[in-house]
Amino acid sequence: MSNQRHTTIRAALTAGLFMLWLVAIGARAGYLQLFKAPWLSQKASVQYEREMTLRAKRGDIYDRHHEALAVSIEST
């Protein structure tokens, strides 16, 4: 087998595998868009939307003589 023919076969095999990989990715994307869209939307909204109560402590505000002008208090 000549070197040029061997290179041509290798290039064709690589291109074929690459095309097969692209078709597989396209098929998976189509499956997710057509059949799993409602489930994925529901799952995304559960992850994104949640109610949280944060009790953050704000920093105190001082004047130039280091006397407190405003202090943070706990809220309920």
Protein backbone atom coordinates (compact mmCIF):
# COMPACT_ATOMS: atom_id res chain seq x y z
CA MET A 1 0.00 0.00 0.00
CA SER A 2 1.44 3.37 -0.96
CA ASN A 3 2.03 6.11 1.56
CA GLN A 4 -0.37 8.51 -0.19
CA ARG A 5 -3.20 5.94 -0.16
CA HIS A 6 -2.55 5.24 3.53
CA THR A 7 -2.78 8.97 4.31
CA THR A 8 -6.01 9.29 2.30
CA ILE A 9 -7.60 6.38 4.17
CA ARG A 10 -6.55 7.84 7.51
CA ALA A 11 -7.96 11.28 6.58
CA ALA A 12 -11.24 9.73 5.44
CA LEU A 13 -11.52 7.69 8.63
CA THR A 14 -10.83 10.78 10.77
CA ALA A 15 -13.39 12.84 8.83
CA GLY A 16 -15.95 10.05 9.14
CA LEU A 17 -15.47 9.77 12.90
CA PHE A 18 -15.70 13.52 13.25
CA MET A 19 -18.95 13.60 11.28
CA LEU A 20 -20.34 10.74 13.37
CA TRP A 21 -19.45 12.69 16.52
CA LEU A 22 -21.23 15.81 15.16
CA VAL A 23 -24.33 13.78 14.29
CA ALA A 24 -24.37 12.26 17.78
CA ILE A 25 -24.14 15.70 19.41
CA GLY A 26 -26.87 17.05 17.12
CA ALA A 27 -29.12 14.08 17.91
CA ARG A 28 -28.62 14.58 21.64
CA ALA A 29 -29.35 18.31 21.38
CA GLY A 30 -32.49 17.60 19.36
CA TYR A 31 -33.65 15.00 21.88
CA LEU A 32 -33.18 17.45 24.75
CA GLN A 33 -34.99 20.25 22.91
CA LEU A 34 -37.92 18.17 21.67
CA PHE A 35 -38.56 15.62 24.40
CA LYS A 36 -36.97 16.88 27.61
CA ALA A 37 -37.72 20.62 27.39
CA PRO A 38 -40.58 20.72 29.96
CA TRP A 39 -38.63 18.66 32.49
CA LEU A 40 -35.48 20.74 32.01
CA SER A 41 -37.44 24.00 32.36
CA GLN A 42 -39.01 22.81 35.60
CA LYS A 43 -35.66 21.68 36.96
CA ALA A 44 -34.03 25.01 36.04
CA SER A 45 -36.77 27.03 37.74
CA VAL A 46 -36.40 24.97 40.92
CA GLN A 47 -32.67 25.67 40.95
CA TYR A 48 -33.05 29.35 40.11
CA GLU A 49 -36.08 30.44 42.10
CA ARG A 50 -35.96 29.94 45.83
CA GLU A 51 -36.89 32.05 48.78
CA MET A 52 -34.17 32.86 51.29
CA THR A 53 -34.08 35.10 54.33
CA LEU A 54 -30.72 36.71 54.76
CA ARG A 55 -29.85 38.50 57.96
CA ALA A 56 -26.91 40.58 56.94
CA LYS A 57 -25.00 42.71 59.41
CA ARG A 58 -24.27 46.08 57.96
CA GLY A 59 -21.21 48.01 58.92
CA ASP A 60 -21.28 50.82 61.43
CA ILE A 61 -20.75 54.40 60.27
CA TYR A 62 -18.28 56.56 62.20
CA ASP A 63 -17.37 60.21 62.04
CA ARG A 64 -13.83 61.53 61.82
CA HIS A 65 -13.43 61.28 65.62
CA HIS A 66 -14.41 57.62 65.50
CA GLU A 67 -17.75 58.16 67.20
CA ALA A 68 -20.60 55.98 65.98
CA LEU A 69 -23.11 57.87 63.83
CA ALA A 70 -25.12 54.82 62.76
CA VAL A 71 -24.90 51.31 64.10
CA SER A 72 -26.33 48.07 62.81
CA ILE A 73 -29.07 46.35 64.79
CA GLU A 74 -30.60 42.89 64.44
CA SER A 75 -33.95 42.78 62.69
CA THR A 76 -36.59 40.11 62.91
